Amino acid sequence: MSDRASDATPIIIDVPVNVGDADVRRALLERVRTLVARPPTHILLNVEALKAADTEQLGAIIQAYIIVTKNGGAVGLVNVTPRLRRLLTITKVDKIIGAVTPDG
């Protein structure tokens, strides 16, 4: 898991494919908590590794969203795979967490 920023904002966090695993999820959420300790925080979750997205992975994304927004930050998703986009739409999470498209 890594995060990148070309300047102070936004911060891009690469979400690992195995984020459904409890230890990996815990590490991701701890990283998010560390980042929101220095608000304001705008985090983009790079979810391109989630090619076979499932509800465990979606749960980790939602947990990260809750942590950030409760601390006054904002969250977006980048590189959303077709399967994850479908899962976001079916669950209506796409109405809450926005996806950043390459064309803006």
C-alpha atoms as a PDB file:
ATOM      1  CA  MET A   1       0.000   0.000   0.000  1.00  0.00           C
ATOM      2  CA  SER A   2       1.394   3.382  -0.932  1.00  0.00           C
ATOM      3  CA  ASP A   3       0.280   6.946  -1.155  1.00  0.00           C
ATOM      4  CA  ARG A   4       1.408   9.700  -3.471  1.00  0.00           C
ATOM      5  CA  ALA A   5       0.985  13.428  -3.660  1.00  0.00           C
ATOM      6  CA  SER A   6       2.476  15.892  -6.097  1.00  0.00           C
ATOM      7  CA  ASP A   7       1.565  18.666  -3.672  1.00  0.00           C
ATOM      8  CA  ALA A   8      -0.205  18.836  -0.311  1.00  0.00           C
ATOM      9  CA  THR A   9      -3.611  17.947  -1.779  1.00  0.00           C
ATOM     10  CA  PRO A  10      -5.027  15.553  -2.934  1.00  0.00           C
ATOM     11  CA  ILE A  11      -3.339  12.488  -1.549  1.00  0.00           C
ATOM     12  CA  ILE A  12      -3.608   9.342  -3.672  1.00  0.00           C
ATOM     13  CA  ILE A  13      -3.632   6.011  -1.848  1.00  0.00           C
ATOM     14  CA  ASP A  14      -3.183   2.826  -3.858  1.00  0.00           C
ATOM     15  CA  VAL A  15      -5.717   0.308  -2.573  1.00  0.00           C
ATOM     16  CA  PRO A  16      -4.254  -3.225  -2.677  1.00  0.00           C
ATOM     17  CA  VAL A  17      -6.200  -6.044  -4.291  1.00  0.00           C
ATOM     18  CA  ASN A  18      -6.310  -7.968  -1.008  1.00  0.00           C
ATOM     19  CA  VAL A  19      -7.914  -5.101   0.946  1.00  0.00           C
ATOM     20  CA  GLY A  20     -10.694  -7.505   1.952  1.00  0.00           C
ATOM     21  CA  ASP A  21      -8.147  -9.256   4.203  1.00  0.00           C
ATOM     22  CA  ALA A  22      -8.534  -8.033   7.808  1.00  0.00           C
ATOM     23  CA  ASP A  23      -4.848  -7.149   8.293  1.00  0.00           C
ATOM     24  CA  VAL A  24      -4.591  -5.289   4.994  1.00  0.00           C
ATOM     25  CA  ARG A  25      -7.851  -3.458   5.697  1.00  0.00           C
ATOM     26  CA  ARG A  26      -6.572  -2.477   9.149  1.00  0.00           C
ATOM     27  CA  ALA A  27      -3.347  -1.125   7.621  1.00  0.00           C
ATOM     28  CA  LEU A  28      -5.284   0.894   5.009  1.00  0.00           C
ATOM     29  CA  LEU A  29      -7.612   2.383   7.616  1.00  0.00           C
ATOM     30  CA  GLU A  30      -4.711   3.201   9.939  1.00  0.00           C
ATOM     31  CA  ARG A  31      -3.006   5.045   7.064  1.00  0.00           C
ATOM     32  CA  VAL A  32      -6.228   6.978   6.426  1.00  0.00           C
ATOM     33  CA  ARG A  33      -6.520   7.863  10.130  1.00  0.00           C
ATOM     34  CA  THR A  34      -2.923   9.137  10.102  1.00  0.00           C
ATOM     35  CA  LEU A  35      -3.615  11.325   7.088  1.00  0.00           C
ATOM     36  CA  VAL A  36      -6.832  12.856   8.450  1.00  0.00           C
ATOM     37  CA  ALA A  37      -5.028  13.840  11.631  1.00  0.00           C
ATOM     38  CA  ARG A  38      -3.667  16.750   9.547  1.00  0.00           C
ATOM     39  CA  PRO A  39      -6.789  18.284   7.993  1.00  0.00           C
ATOM     40  CA  PRO A  40      -7.993  19.428   5.586  1.00  0.00           C
ATOM     41  CA  THR A  41      -7.579  16.174   3.764  1.00  0.00           C
ATOM     42  CA  HIS A  42      -8.645  15.224   0.258  1.00  0.00           C
ATOM     43  CA  ILE A  43      -7.927  11.569  -0.432  1.00  0.00           C
ATOM     44  CA  LEU A  44      -8.248   9.795  -3.746  1.00  0.00           C
ATOM     45  CA  LEU A  45      -8.362   6.011  -3.495  1.00  0.00           C
ATOM     46  CA  ASN A  46      -6.722   4.416  -6.522  1.00  0.00           C
ATOM     47  CA  VAL A  47      -8.818   1.263  -6.913  1.00  0.00           C
ATOM     48  CA  GLU A  48      -7.447  -0.012 -10.225  1.00  0.00           C
ATOM     49  CA  ALA A  49      -6.168  -3.227  -8.573  1.00  0.00           C
ATOM     50  CA  LEU A  50      -9.731  -4.210  -7.617  1.00  0.00           C
ATOM     51  CA  LYS A  51     -10.529  -5.969 -10.888  1.00  0.00           C
ATOM     52  CA  ALA A  52     -12.741  -8.579  -9.187  1.00  0.00           C
ATOM     53  CA  ALA A  53     -14.325  -6.213  -6.661  1.00  0.00           C
ATOM     54  CA  ASP A  54     -16.487  -7.721  -3.947  1.00  0.00           C
ATOM     55  CA  THR A  55     -18.402  -6.556  -0.888  1.00  0.00           C
ATOM     56  CA  GLU A  56     -15.376  -6.986   1.417  1.00  0.00           C
ATOM     57  CA  GLN A  57     -13.386  -4.558  -0.695  1.00  0.00           C
ATOM     58  CA  LEU A  58     -16.357  -2.203  -0.943  1.00  0.00           C
ATOM     59  CA  GLY A  59     -16.657  -2.318   2.847  1.00  0.00           C
ATOM     60  CA  ALA A  60     -13.044  -1.164   3.218  1.00  0.00           C
ATOM     61  CA  ILE A  61     -13.681   1.736   0.821  1.00  0.00           C
ATOM     62  CA  ILE A  62     -16.785   2.763   2.784  1.00  0.00           C
ATOM     63  CA  GLN A  63     -14.890   2.584   6.094  1.00  0.00           C
ATOM     64  CA  ALA A  64     -12.164   4.843   4.684  1.00  0.00           C
ATOM     65  CA  TYR A  65     -14.837   7.259   3.426  1.00  0.00           C
ATOM     66  CA  ILE A  66     -16.469   7.420   6.872  1.00  0.00           C
ATOM     67  CA  ILE A  67     -13.165   8.082   8.637  1.00  0.00           C
ATOM     68  CA  VAL A  68     -12.223  10.884   6.258  1.00  0.00           C
ATOM     69  CA  THR A  69     -15.595  12.629   6.099  1.00  0.00           C
ATOM     70  CA  LYS A  70     -16.095  12.508   9.879  1.00  0.00           C
ATOM     71  CA  ASN A  71     -12.822  14.412  10.117  1.00  0.00           C
ATOM     72  CA  GLY A  72     -13.860  17.077   7.616  1.00  0.00           C
ATOM     73  CA  GLY A  73     -12.122  15.600   4.582  1.00  0.00           C
ATOM     74  CA  ALA A  74     -13.259  14.401   1.186  1.00  0.00           C
ATOM     75  CA  VAL A  75     -12.802  11.096  -0.651  1.00  0.00           C
ATOM     76  CA  GLY A  76     -12.920  10.195  -4.322  1.00  0.00           C
ATOM     77  CA  LEU A  77     -12.141   7.081  -6.339  1.00  0.00           C
ATOM     78  CA  VAL A  78      -9.787   6.933  -9.317  1.00  0.00           C
ATOM     79  CA  ASN A  79      -9.242   4.181 -11.887  1.00  0.00           C
ATOM     80  CA  VAL A  80     -12.547   2.493 -11.083  1.00  0.00           C
ATOM     81  CA  THR A  81     -12.819  -0.897 -12.776  1.00  0.00           C
ATOM     82  CA  PRO A  82     -16.033  -1.873 -14.585  1.00  0.00           C
ATOM     83  CA  ARG A  83     -16.866  -4.499 -11.957  1.00  0.00           C
ATOM     84  CA  LEU A  84     -16.354  -2.067  -9.069  1.00  0.00           C
ATOM     85  CA  ARG A  85     -18.383   0.594 -10.909  1.00  0.00           C
ATOM     86  CA  ARG A  86     -21.235  -1.914 -11.234  1.00  0.00           C
ATOM     87  CA  LEU A  87     -21.008  -2.796  -7.523  1.00  0.00           C
ATOM     88  CA  LEU A  88     -21.000   0.903  -6.604  1.00  0.00           C
ATOM     89  CA  THR A  89     -24.084   1.455  -8.764  1.00  0.00           C
ATOM     90  CA  ILE A  90     -26.018  -1.575  -7.471  1.00  0.00           C
ATOM     91  CA  THR A  91     -25.367  -0.600  -3.860  1.00  0.00           C
ATOM     92  CA  LYS A  92     -25.921   3.102  -4.635  1.00  0.00           C
ATOM     93  CA  VAL A  93     -22.583   3.929  -3.035  1.00  0.00           C
ATOM     94  CA  ASP A  94     -21.798   5.825  -6.256  1.00  0.00           C
ATOM     95  CA  LYS A  95     -24.251   8.475  -5.034  1.00  0.00           C
ATOM     96  CA  ILE A  96     -22.084   9.020  -1.937  1.00  0.00           C
ATOM     97  CA  ILE A  97     -18.505   8.476  -3.085  1.00  0.00           C
ATOM     98  CA  GLY A  98     -17.639  10.070  -6.386  1.00  0.00           C
ATOM     99  CA  ALA A  99     -15.374   8.623  -9.028  1.00  0.00           C
ATOM    100  CA  VAL A 100     -12.869  10.865 -10.781  1.00  0.00           C
ATOM    101  CA  THR A 101     -12.842  10.148 -14.491  1.00  0.00           C
ATOM    102  CA  PRO A 102      -9.768  10.661 -16.677  1.00  0.00           C
ATOM    103  CA  ASP A 103     -11.530  13.394 -18.657  1.00  0.00           C
ATOM    104  CA  GLY A 104     -12.350  15.412 -15.537  1.00  0.00           C
END
